[in-house]
Amino acid sequence: MTSDLKRHYTIEELSKQYLMNTTTLKSVFKAVYGMPIASYMKEYRMKSTSNMLLQEDKSISEIAAAVGYKSQSKFTSAFRDIFQILPTAYQKLYRNQ
């Protein structure tokens, strides 16, 4: 699930992959990870992009696309939800440390 960050899995796809019904999958996942699958994936994507922002010379839109966001504005909003800072500000603040 985390190996291809561009791909957005549906609950149905994951339940087939893990041989569980959707309700069981959601409750087991939340019990193990403490959050719903979508929240976990959003957080995982954003943590991956935080490294990309600091280590790669790619634009924000290229980084957004690399983790499955078709819109830079949706990516920026998701990043701000997790880190409480815009990706460009994060990059400027931490890149040269």
PDB file of N, CA and C in Angstrom:
ATOM      1  N   MET A   1       0.820  -1.189   0.000  1.00  0.00           N
ATOM      2  CA  MET A   1       0.000   0.000   0.000  1.00  0.00           C
ATOM      3  C   MET A   1       0.868   1.259   0.000  1.00  0.00           C
ATOM      4  N   THR A   2       1.998   1.223   0.670  1.00  0.00           N
ATOM      5  CA  THR A   2       2.855   2.403   0.722  1.00  0.00           C
ATOM      6  C   THR A   2       3.972   2.368  -0.313  1.00  0.00           C
ATOM      7  N   SER A   3       4.055   1.291  -1.085  1.00  0.00           N
ATOM      8  CA  SER A   3       5.145   1.186  -2.062  1.00  0.00           C
ATOM      9  C   SER A   3       4.920   2.048  -3.296  1.00  0.00           C
ATOM     10  N   ASP A   4       3.685   2.331  -3.642  1.00  0.00           N
ATOM     11  CA  ASP A   4       3.373   3.156  -4.805  1.00  0.00           C
ATOM     12  C   ASP A   4       2.545   4.347  -4.336  1.00  0.00           C
ATOM     13  N   LEU A   5       3.235   5.438  -4.023  1.00  0.00           N
ATOM     14  CA  LEU A   5       2.552   6.594  -3.447  1.00  0.00           C
ATOM     15  C   LEU A   5       1.651   7.320  -4.433  1.00  0.00           C
ATOM     16  N   LYS A   6       1.839   7.096  -5.722  1.00  0.00           N
ATOM     17  CA  LYS A   6       0.981   7.734  -6.719  1.00  0.00           C
ATOM     18  C   LYS A   6      -0.417   7.118  -6.732  1.00  0.00           C
ATOM     19  N   ARG A   7      -0.495   5.873  -6.356  1.00  0.00           N
ATOM     20  CA  ARG A   7      -1.745   5.125  -6.462  1.00  0.00           C
ATOM     21  C   ARG A   7      -2.641   5.373  -5.253  1.00  0.00           C
ATOM     22  N   HIS A   8      -3.888   5.628  -5.524  1.00  0.00           N
ATOM     23  CA  HIS A   8      -4.888   5.789  -4.465  1.00  0.00           C
ATOM     24  C   HIS A   8      -5.763   4.535  -4.452  1.00  0.00           C
ATOM     25  N   TYR A   9      -5.565   3.707  -3.442  1.00  0.00           N
ATOM     26  CA  TYR A   9      -6.308   2.456  -3.316  1.00  0.00           C
ATOM     27  C   TYR A   9      -7.704   2.717  -2.763  1.00  0.00           C
ATOM     28  N   THR A  10      -8.652   1.938  -3.225  1.00  0.00           N
ATOM     29  CA  THR A  10      -9.987   1.991  -2.631  1.00  0.00           C
ATOM     30  C   THR A  10     -10.049   0.964  -1.500  1.00  0.00           C
ATOM     31  N   ILE A  11     -10.992   1.157  -0.607  1.00  0.00           N
ATOM     32  CA  ILE A  11     -11.193   0.199   0.485  1.00  0.00           C
ATOM     33  C   ILE A  11     -11.510  -1.180  -0.089  1.00  0.00           C
ATOM     34  N   GLU A  12     -12.281  -1.214  -1.171  1.00  0.00           N
ATOM     35  CA  GLU A  12     -12.644  -2.485  -1.797  1.00  0.00           C
ATOM     36  C   GLU A  12     -11.404  -3.212  -2.329  1.00  0.00           C
ATOM     37  N   GLU A  13     -10.491  -2.480  -2.961  1.00  0.00           N
ATOM     38  CA  GLU A  13      -9.256  -3.096  -3.465  1.00  0.00           C
ATOM     39  C   GLU A  13      -8.428  -3.663  -2.323  1.00  0.00           C
ATOM     40  N   LEU A  14      -8.312  -2.906  -1.255  1.00  0.00           N
ATOM     41  CA  LEU A  14      -7.526  -3.362  -0.110  1.00  0.00           C
ATOM     42  C   LEU A  14      -8.174  -4.551   0.580  1.00  0.00           C
ATOM     43  N   SER A  15      -9.492  -4.542   0.684  1.00  0.00           N
ATOM     44  CA  SER A  15     -10.161  -5.674   1.333  1.00  0.00           C
ATOM     45  C   SER A  15      -9.984  -6.955   0.524  1.00  0.00           C
ATOM     46  N   LYS A  16      -9.985  -6.844  -0.797  1.00  0.00           N
ATOM     47  CA  LYS A  16      -9.718  -8.022  -1.641  1.00  0.00           C
ATOM     48  C   LYS A  16      -8.274  -8.476  -1.477  1.00  0.00           C
ATOM     49  N   GLN A  17      -7.355  -7.518  -1.455  1.00  0.00           N
ATOM     50  CA  GLN A  17      -5.934  -7.847  -1.326  1.00  0.00           C
ATOM     51  C   GLN A  17      -5.637  -8.547  -0.002  1.00  0.00           C
ATOM     52  N   TYR A  18      -6.277  -8.095   1.074  1.00  0.00           N
ATOM     53  CA  TYR A  18      -6.016  -8.656   2.400  1.00  0.00           C
ATOM     54  C   TYR A  18      -7.061  -9.679   2.842  1.00  0.00           C
ATOM     55  N   LEU A  19      -7.953 -10.038   1.925  1.00  0.00           N
ATOM     56  CA  LEU A  19      -8.950 -11.084   2.162  1.00  0.00           C
ATOM     57  C   LEU A  19      -9.809 -10.826   3.405  1.00  0.00           C
ATOM     58  N   MET A  20     -10.283  -9.590   3.517  1.00  0.00           N
ATOM     59  CA  MET A  20     -11.169  -9.200   4.620  1.00  0.00           C
ATOM     60  C   MET A  20     -12.328  -8.405   4.046  1.00  0.00           C
ATOM     61  N   ASN A  21     -13.449  -8.422   4.745  1.00  0.00           N
ATOM     62  CA  ASN A  21     -14.511  -7.523   4.297  1.00  0.00           C
ATOM     63  C   ASN A  21     -14.125  -6.097   4.694  1.00  0.00           C
ATOM     64  N   THR A  22     -14.757  -5.127   4.080  1.00  0.00           N
ATOM     65  CA  THR A  22     -14.343  -3.732   4.259  1.00  0.00           C
ATOM     66  C   THR A  22     -14.488  -3.249   5.707  1.00  0.00           C
ATOM     67  N   THR A  23     -15.540  -3.663   6.372  1.00  0.00           N
ATOM     68  CA  THR A  23     -15.759  -3.240   7.761  1.00  0.00           C
ATOM     69  C   THR A  23     -14.660  -3.765   8.672  1.00  0.00           C
ATOM     70  N   THR A  24     -14.308  -5.043   8.509  1.00  0.00           N
ATOM     71  CA  THR A  24     -13.247  -5.642   9.316  1.00  0.00           C
ATOM     72  C   THR A  24     -11.914  -4.966   9.031  1.00  0.00           C
ATOM     73  N   LEU A  25     -11.616  -4.746   7.764  1.00  0.00           N
ATOM     74  CA  LEU A  25     -10.357  -4.100   7.390  1.00  0.00           C
ATOM     75  C   LEU A  25     -10.239  -2.728   8.049  1.00  0.00           C
ATOM     76  N   LYS A  26     -11.291  -1.937   7.953  1.00  0.00           N
ATOM     77  CA  LYS A  26     -11.252  -0.588   8.536  1.00  0.00           C
ATOM     78  C   LYS A  26     -11.059  -0.635  10.050  1.00  0.00           C
ATOM     79  N   SER A  27     -11.768  -1.527  10.715  1.00  0.00           N
ATOM     80  CA  SER A  27     -11.656  -1.572  12.174  1.00  0.00           C
ATOM     81  C   SER A  27     -10.310  -2.142  12.627  1.00  0.00           C
ATOM     82  N   VAL A  28      -9.801  -3.158  11.937  1.00  0.00           N
ATOM     83  CA  VAL A  28      -8.490  -3.719  12.282  1.00  0.00           C
ATOM     84  C   VAL A  28      -7.394  -2.684  12.031  1.00  0.00           C
ATOM     85  N   PHE A  29      -7.460  -2.014  10.893  1.00  0.00           N
ATOM     86  CA  PHE A  29      -6.452  -1.007  10.569  1.00  0.00           C
ATOM     87  C   PHE A  29      -6.443   0.095  11.624  1.00  0.00           C
ATOM     88  N   LYS A  30      -7.617   0.578  11.978  1.00  0.00           N
ATOM     89  CA  LYS A  30      -7.701   1.656  12.968  1.00  0.00           C
ATOM     90  C   LYS A  30      -7.206   1.191  14.334  1.00  0.00           C
ATOM     91  N   ALA A  31      -7.484  -0.054  14.690  1.00  0.00           N
ATOM     92  CA  ALA A  31      -7.014  -0.589  15.970  1.00  0.00           C
ATOM     93  C   ALA A  31      -5.491  -0.676  16.003  1.00  0.00           C
ATOM     94  N   VAL A  32      -4.891  -1.048  14.885  1.00  0.00           N
ATOM     95  CA  VAL A  32      -3.433  -1.204  14.820  1.00  0.00           C
ATOM     96  C   VAL A  32      -2.726   0.146  14.702  1.00  0.00           C
ATOM     97  N   TYR A  33      -3.198   1.003  13.805  1.00  0.00           N
ATOM     98  CA  TYR A  33      -2.500   2.258  13.499  1.00  0.00           C
ATOM     99  C   TYR A  33      -3.089   3.492  14.182  1.00  0.00           C
ATOM    100  N   GLY A  34      -4.235   3.348  14.806  1.00  0.00           N
ATOM    101  CA  GLY A  34      -4.819   4.459  15.536  1.00  0.00           C
ATOM    102  C   GLY A  34      -5.480   5.529  14.688  1.00  0.00           C
ATOM    103  N   MET A  35      -5.678   5.230  13.409  1.00  0.00           N
ATOM    104  CA  MET A  35      -6.329   6.188  12.508  1.00  0.00           C
ATOM    105  C   MET A  35      -6.889   5.443  11.312  1.00  0.00           C
ATOM    106  N   PRO A  36      -7.836   6.050  10.611  1.00  0.00           N
ATOM    107  CA  PRO A  36      -8.378   5.424   9.401  1.00  0.00           C
ATOM    108  C   PRO A  36      -7.313   5.309   8.302  1.00  0.00           C
ATOM    109  N   ILE A  37      -7.553   4.412   7.360  1.00  0.00           N
ATOM    110  CA  ILE A  37      -6.609   4.160   6.273  1.00  0.00           C
ATOM    111  C   ILE A  37      -6.300   5.437   5.499  1.00  0.00           C
ATOM    112  N   ALA A  38      -7.311   6.211   5.153  1.00  0.00           N
ATOM    113  CA  ALA A  38      -7.096   7.432   4.363  1.00  0.00           C
ATOM    114  C   ALA A  38      -6.214   8.429   5.113  1.00  0.00           C
ATOM    115  N   SER A  39      -6.427   8.575   6.396  1.00  0.00           N
ATOM    116  CA  SER A  39      -5.604   9.490   7.200  1.00  0.00           C
ATOM    117  C   SER A  39      -4.163   9.007   7.263  1.00  0.00           C
ATOM    118  N   TYR A  40      -4.003   7.703   7.438  1.00  0.00           N
ATOM    119  CA  TYR A  40      -2.657   7.129   7.479  1.00  0.00           C
ATOM    120  C   TYR A  40      -1.914   7.384   6.169  1.00  0.00           C
ATOM    121  N   MET A  41      -2.593   7.137   5.045  1.00  0.00           N
ATOM    122  CA  MET A  41      -1.952   7.324   3.742  1.00  0.00           C
ATOM    123  C   MET A  41      -1.619   8.794   3.488  1.00  0.00           C
ATOM    124  N   LYS A  42      -2.496   9.674   3.888  1.00  0.00           N
ATOM    125  CA  LYS A  42      -2.232  11.112   3.722  1.00  0.00           C
ATOM    126  C   LYS A  42      -0.988  11.504   4.519  1.00  0.00           C
ATOM    127  N   GLU A  43      -0.928  11.060   5.762  1.00  0.00           N
ATOM    128  CA  GLU A  43       0.221  11.373   6.611  1.00  0.00           C
ATOM    129  C   GLU A  43       1.501  10.754   6.051  1.00  0.00           C
ATOM    130  N   TYR A  44       1.419   9.517   5.593  1.00  0.00           N
ATOM    131  CA  TYR A  44       2.582   8.836   5.019  1.00  0.00           C
ATOM    132  C   TYR A  44       3.089   9.572   3.776  1.00  0.00           C
ATOM    133  N   ARG A  45       2.160   9.970   2.901  1.00  0.00           N
ATOM    134  CA  ARG A  45       2.539  10.724   1.697  1.00  0.00           C
ATOM    135  C   ARG A  45       3.222  12.039   2.066  1.00  0.00           C
ATOM    136  N   MET A  46       2.656  12.738   3.025  1.00  0.00           N
ATOM    137  CA  MET A  46       3.214  14.035   3.400  1.00  0.00           C
ATOM    138  C   MET A  46       4.592  13.890   4.033  1.00  0.00           C
ATOM    139  N   LYS A  47       4.801  12.864   4.842  1.00  0.00           N
ATOM    140  CA  LYS A  47       6.131  12.638   5.419  1.00  0.00           C
ATOM    141  C   LYS A  47       7.144  12.321   4.327  1.00  0.00           C
ATOM    142  N   SER A  48       6.729  11.584   3.316  1.00  0.00           N
ATOM    143  CA  SER A  48       7.610  11.294   2.179  1.00  0.00           C
ATOM    144  C   SER A  48       7.945  12.566   1.415  1.00  0.00           C
ATOM    145  N   THR A  49       6.958  13.426   1.238  1.00  0.00           N
ATOM    146  CA  THR A  49       7.211  14.659   0.494  1.00  0.00           C
ATOM    147  C   THR A  49       8.077  15.623   1.283  1.00  0.00           C
ATOM    148  N   SER A  50       8.015  15.564   2.596  1.00  0.00           N
ATOM    149  CA  SER A  50       8.858  16.468   3.383  1.00  0.00           C
ATOM    150  C   SER A  50      10.328  16.196   3.088  1.00  0.00           C
ATOM    151  N   ASN A  51      10.690  14.936   2.918  1.00  0.00           N
ATOM    152  CA  ASN A  51      12.066  14.596   2.537  1.00  0.00           C
ATOM    153  C   ASN A  51      12.378  15.055   1.123  1.00  0.00           C
ATOM    154  N   MET A  52      11.433  14.879   0.212  1.00  0.00           N
ATOM    155  CA  MET A  52      11.637  15.311  -1.173  1.00  0.00           C
ATOM    156  C   MET A  52      11.851  16.817  -1.251  1.00  0.00           C
ATOM    157  N   LEU A  53      11.091  17.562  -0.473  1.00  0.00           N
ATOM    158  CA  LEU A  53      11.211  19.021  -0.487  1.00  0.00           C
ATOM    159  C   LEU A  53      12.600  19.477  -0.057  1.00  0.00           C
ATOM    160  N   LEU A  54      13.227  18.722   0.820  1.00  0.00           N
ATOM    161  CA  LEU A  54      14.537  19.107   1.336  1.00  0.00           C
ATOM    162  C   LEU A  54      15.692  18.556   0.517  1.00  0.00           C
ATOM    163  N   GLN A  55      15.497  17.435  -0.162  1.00  0.00           N
ATOM    164  CA  GLN A  55      16.607  16.751  -0.809  1.00  0.00           C
ATOM    165  C   GLN A  55      16.604  16.805  -2.323  1.00  0.00           C
ATOM    166  N   GLU A  56      15.524  17.185  -2.934  1.00  0.00           N
ATOM    167  CA  GLU A  56      15.441  17.130  -4.388  1.00  0.00           C
ATOM    168  C   GLU A  56      15.167  18.504  -4.968  1.00  0.00           C
ATOM    169  N   ASP A  57      15.698  18.731  -6.158  1.00  0.00           N
ATOM    170  CA  ASP A  57      15.442  19.990  -6.862  1.00  0.00           C
ATOM    171  C   ASP A  57      14.264  19.832  -7.806  1.00  0.00           C
ATOM    172  N   LYS A  58      13.124  19.546  -7.245  1.00  0.00           N
ATOM    173  CA  LYS A  58      11.893  19.419  -8.020  1.00  0.00           C
ATOM    174  C   LYS A  58      10.939  20.515  -7.585  1.00  0.00           C
ATOM    175  N   SER A  59      10.060  20.880  -8.490  1.00  0.00           N
ATOM    176  CA  SER A  59       9.046  21.878  -8.143  1.00  0.00           C
ATOM    177  C   SER A  59       8.001  21.244  -7.225  1.00  0.00           C
ATOM    178  N   ILE A  60       7.227  22.096  -6.584  1.00  0.00           N
ATOM    179  CA  ILE A  60       6.156  21.614  -5.711  1.00  0.00           C
ATOM    180  C   ILE A  60       5.175  20.765  -6.512  1.00  0.00           C
ATOM    181  N   SER A  61       4.859  21.186  -7.726  1.00  0.00           N
ATOM    182  CA  SER A  61       3.906  20.418  -8.543  1.00  0.00           C
ATOM    183  C   SER A  61       4.482  19.062  -8.941  1.00  0.00           C
ATOM    184  N   GLU A  62       5.788  18.967  -9.182  1.00  0.00           N
ATOM    185  CA  GLU A  62       6.412  17.673  -9.496  1.00  0.00           C
ATOM    186  C   GLU A  62       6.379  16.747  -8.288  1.00  0.00           C
ATOM    187  N   ILE A  63       6.643  17.295  -7.128  1.00  0.00           N
ATOM    188  CA  ILE A  63       6.602  16.499  -5.896  1.00  0.00           C
ATOM    189  C   ILE A  63       5.170  16.052  -5.610  1.00  0.00           C
ATOM    190  N   ALA A  64       4.223  16.953  -5.808  1.00  0.00           N
ATOM    191  CA  ALA A  64       2.811  16.601  -5.612  1.00  0.00           C
ATOM    192  C   ALA A  64       2.418  15.443  -6.524  1.00  0.00           C
ATOM    193  N   ALA A  65       2.808  15.524  -7.784  1.00  0.00           N
ATOM    194  CA  ALA A  65       2.494  14.460  -8.747  1.00  0.00           C
ATOM    195  C   ALA A  65       3.175  13.148  -8.373  1.00  0.00           C
ATOM    196  N   ALA A  66       4.373  13.226  -7.822  1.00  0.00           N
ATOM    197  CA  ALA A  66       5.120  12.020  -7.449  1.00  0.00           C
ATOM    198  C   ALA A  66       4.421  11.208  -6.366  1.00  0.00           C
ATOM    199  N   VAL A  67       3.569  11.861  -5.593  1.00  0.00           N
ATOM    200  CA  VAL A  67       2.843  11.148  -4.537  1.00  0.00           C
ATOM    201  C   VAL A  67       1.341  11.076  -4.804  1.00  0.00           C
ATOM    202  N   GLY A  68       0.960  11.289  -6.057  1.00  0.00           N
ATOM    203  CA  GLY A  68      -0.420  11.037  -6.457  1.00  0.00           C
ATOM    204  C   GLY A  68      -1.388  12.194  -6.413  1.00  0.00           C
ATOM    205  N   TYR A  69      -0.911  13.403  -6.232  1.00  0.00           N
ATOM    206  CA  TYR A  69      -1.802  14.567  -6.246  1.00  0.00           C
ATOM    207  C   TYR A  69      -1.827  15.164  -7.642  1.00  0.00           C
ATOM    208  N   LYS A  70      -3.010  15.300  -8.196  1.00  0.00           N
ATOM    209  CA  LYS A  70      -3.162  15.884  -9.528  1.00  0.00           C
ATOM    210  C   LYS A  70      -3.190  17.402  -9.456  1.00  0.00           C
ATOM    211  N   SER A  71      -3.478  17.920  -8.296  1.00  0.00           N
ATOM    212  CA  SER A  71      -3.591  19.361  -8.103  1.00  0.00           C
ATOM    213  C   SER A  71      -2.574  19.830  -7.063  1.00  0.00           C
ATOM    214  N   GLN A  72      -1.794  20.831  -7.426  1.00  0.00           N
ATOM    215  CA  GLN A  72      -0.831  21.389  -6.481  1.00  0.00           C
ATOM    216  C   GLN A  72      -1.545  22.019  -5.289  1.00  0.00           C
ATOM    217  N   SER A  73      -2.698  22.611  -5.520  1.00  0.00           N
ATOM    218  CA  SER A  73      -3.421  23.256  -4.415  1.00  0.00           C
ATOM    219  C   SER A  73      -3.934  22.225  -3.404  1.00  0.00           C
ATOM    220  N   LYS A  74      -4.390  21.067  -3.879  1.00  0.00           N
ATOM    221  CA  LYS A  74      -4.830  20.010  -2.947  1.00  0.00           C
ATOM    222  C   LYS A  74      -3.640  19.454  -2.171  1.00  0.00           C
ATOM    223  N   PHE A  75      -2.511  19.310  -2.858  1.00  0.00           N
ATOM    224  CA  PHE A  75      -1.290  18.863  -2.186  1.00  0.00           C
ATOM    225  C   PHE A  75      -0.887  19.869  -1.102  1.00  0.00           C
ATOM    226  N   THR A  76      -0.880  21.140  -1.458  1.00  0.00           N
ATOM    227  CA  THR A  76      -0.495  22.193  -0.515  1.00  0.00           C
ATOM    228  C   THR A  76      -1.408  22.185   0.704  1.00  0.00           C
ATOM    229  N   SER A  77      -2.689  22.014   0.484  1.00  0.00           N
ATOM    230  CA  SER A  77      -3.653  21.956   1.579  1.00  0.00           C
ATOM    231  C   SER A  77      -3.395  20.744   2.476  1.00  0.00           C
ATOM    232  N   ALA A  78      -3.134  19.592   1.874  1.00  0.00           N
ATOM    233  CA  ALA A  78      -2.852  18.374   2.644  1.00  0.00           C
ATOM    234  C   ALA A  78      -1.559  18.529   3.440  1.00  0.00           C
ATOM    235  N   PHE A  79      -0.544  19.111   2.822  1.00  0.00           N
ATOM    236  CA  PHE A  79       0.738  19.321   3.497  1.00  0.00           C
ATOM    237  C   PHE A  79       0.549  20.241   4.702  1.00  0.00           C
ATOM    238  N   ARG A  80      -0.191  21.315   4.507  1.00  0.00           N
ATOM    239  CA  ARG A  80      -0.443  22.269   5.591  1.00  0.00           C
ATOM    240  C   ARG A  80      -1.252  21.620   6.716  1.00  0.00           C
ATOM    241  N   ASP A  81      -2.181  20.734   6.382  1.00  0.00           N
ATOM    242  CA  ASP A  81      -2.954  20.017   7.406  1.00  0.00           C
ATOM    243  C   ASP A  81      -2.044  19.207   8.324  1.00  0.00           C
ATOM    244  N   ILE A  82      -1.027  18.584   7.749  1.00  0.00           N
ATOM    245  CA  ILE A  82      -0.132  17.721   8.526  1.00  0.00           C
ATOM    246  C   ILE A  82       0.938  18.523   9.263  1.00  0.00           C
ATOM    247  N   PHE A  83       1.581  19.464   8.574  1.00  0.00           N
ATOM    248  CA  PHE A  83       2.739  20.171   9.138  1.00  0.00           C
ATOM    249  C   PHE A  83       2.458  21.595   9.631  1.00  0.00           C
ATOM    250  N   GLN A  84       1.250  22.114   9.398  1.00  0.00           N
ATOM    251  CA  GLN A  84       0.878  23.479   9.785  1.00  0.00           C
ATOM    252  C   GLN A  84       1.806  24.537   9.174  1.00  0.00           C
ATOM    253  N   ILE A  85       2.309  24.245   7.986  1.00  0.00           N
ATOM    254  CA  ILE A  85       3.169  25.169   7.257  1.00  0.00           C
ATOM    255  C   ILE A  85       3.036  24.851   5.770  1.00  0.00           C
ATOM    256  N   LEU A  86       3.154  25.849   4.925  1.00  0.00           N
ATOM    257  CA  LEU A  86       3.098  25.614   3.479  1.00  0.00           C
ATOM    258  C   LEU A  86       4.364  24.903   3.010  1.00  0.00           C
ATOM    259  N   PRO A  87       4.278  24.094   1.964  1.00  0.00           N
ATOM    260  CA  PRO A  87       5.462  23.377   1.471  1.00  0.00           C
ATOM    261  C   PRO A  87       6.621  24.308   1.110  1.00  0.00           C
ATOM    262  N   THR A  88       6.332  25.438   0.491  1.00  0.00           N
ATOM    263  CA  THR A  88       7.406  26.365   0.118  1.00  0.00           C
ATOM    264  C   THR A  88       8.080  26.954   1.353  1.00  0.00           C
ATOM    265  N   ALA A  89       7.303  27.283   2.370  1.00  0.00           N
ATOM    266  CA  ALA A  89       7.870  27.814   3.610  1.00  0.00           C
ATOM    267  C   ALA A  89       8.689  26.737   4.321  1.00  0.00           C
ATOM    268  N   TYR A  90       8.191  25.508   4.320  1.00  0.00           N
ATOM    269  CA  TYR A  90       8.912  24.375   4.911  1.00  0.00           C
ATOM    270  C   TYR A  90      10.263  24.204   4.226  1.00  0.00           C
ATOM    271  N   GLN A  91      10.241  24.273   2.909  1.00  0.00           N
ATOM    272  CA  GLN A  91      11.453  24.123   2.108  1.00  0.00           C
ATOM    273  C   GLN A  91      12.466  25.220   2.455  1.00  0.00           C
ATOM    274  N   LYS A  92      12.022  26.445   2.495  1.00  0.00           N
ATOM    275  CA  LYS A  92      12.917  27.565   2.809  1.00  0.00           C
ATOM    276  C   LYS A  92      13.460  27.473   4.231  1.00  0.00           C
ATOM    277  N   LEU A  93      12.611  27.069   5.151  1.00  0.00           N
ATOM    278  CA  LEU A  93      12.991  27.012   6.555  1.00  0.00           C
ATOM    279  C   LEU A  93      14.011  25.914   6.849  1.00  0.00           C
ATOM    280  N   TYR A  94      13.833  24.744   6.236  1.00  0.00           N
ATOM    281  CA  TYR A  94      14.648  23.589   6.611  1.00  0.00           C
ATOM    282  C   TYR A  94      15.697  23.151   5.593  1.00  0.00           C
ATOM    283  N   ARG A  95      15.645  23.637   4.385  1.00  0.00           N
ATOM    284  CA  ARG A  95      16.541  23.133   3.343  1.00  0.00           C
ATOM    285  C   ARG A  95      18.013  23.361   3.662  1.00  0.00           C
ATOM    286  N   ASN A  96      18.383  24.486   4.174  1.00  0.00           N
ATOM    287  CA  ASN A  96      19.799  24.799   4.383  1.00  0.00           C
ATOM    288  C   ASN A  96      20.286  24.536   5.800  1.00  0.00           C
ATOM    289  N   GLN A  97      19.576  23.720   6.529  1.00  0.00           N
ATOM    290  CA  GLN A  97      20.011  23.400   7.899  1.00  0.00           C
ATOM    291  C   GLN A  97      20.868  22.167   7.922  1.00  0.00           C
TER     292      GLN A  97
END
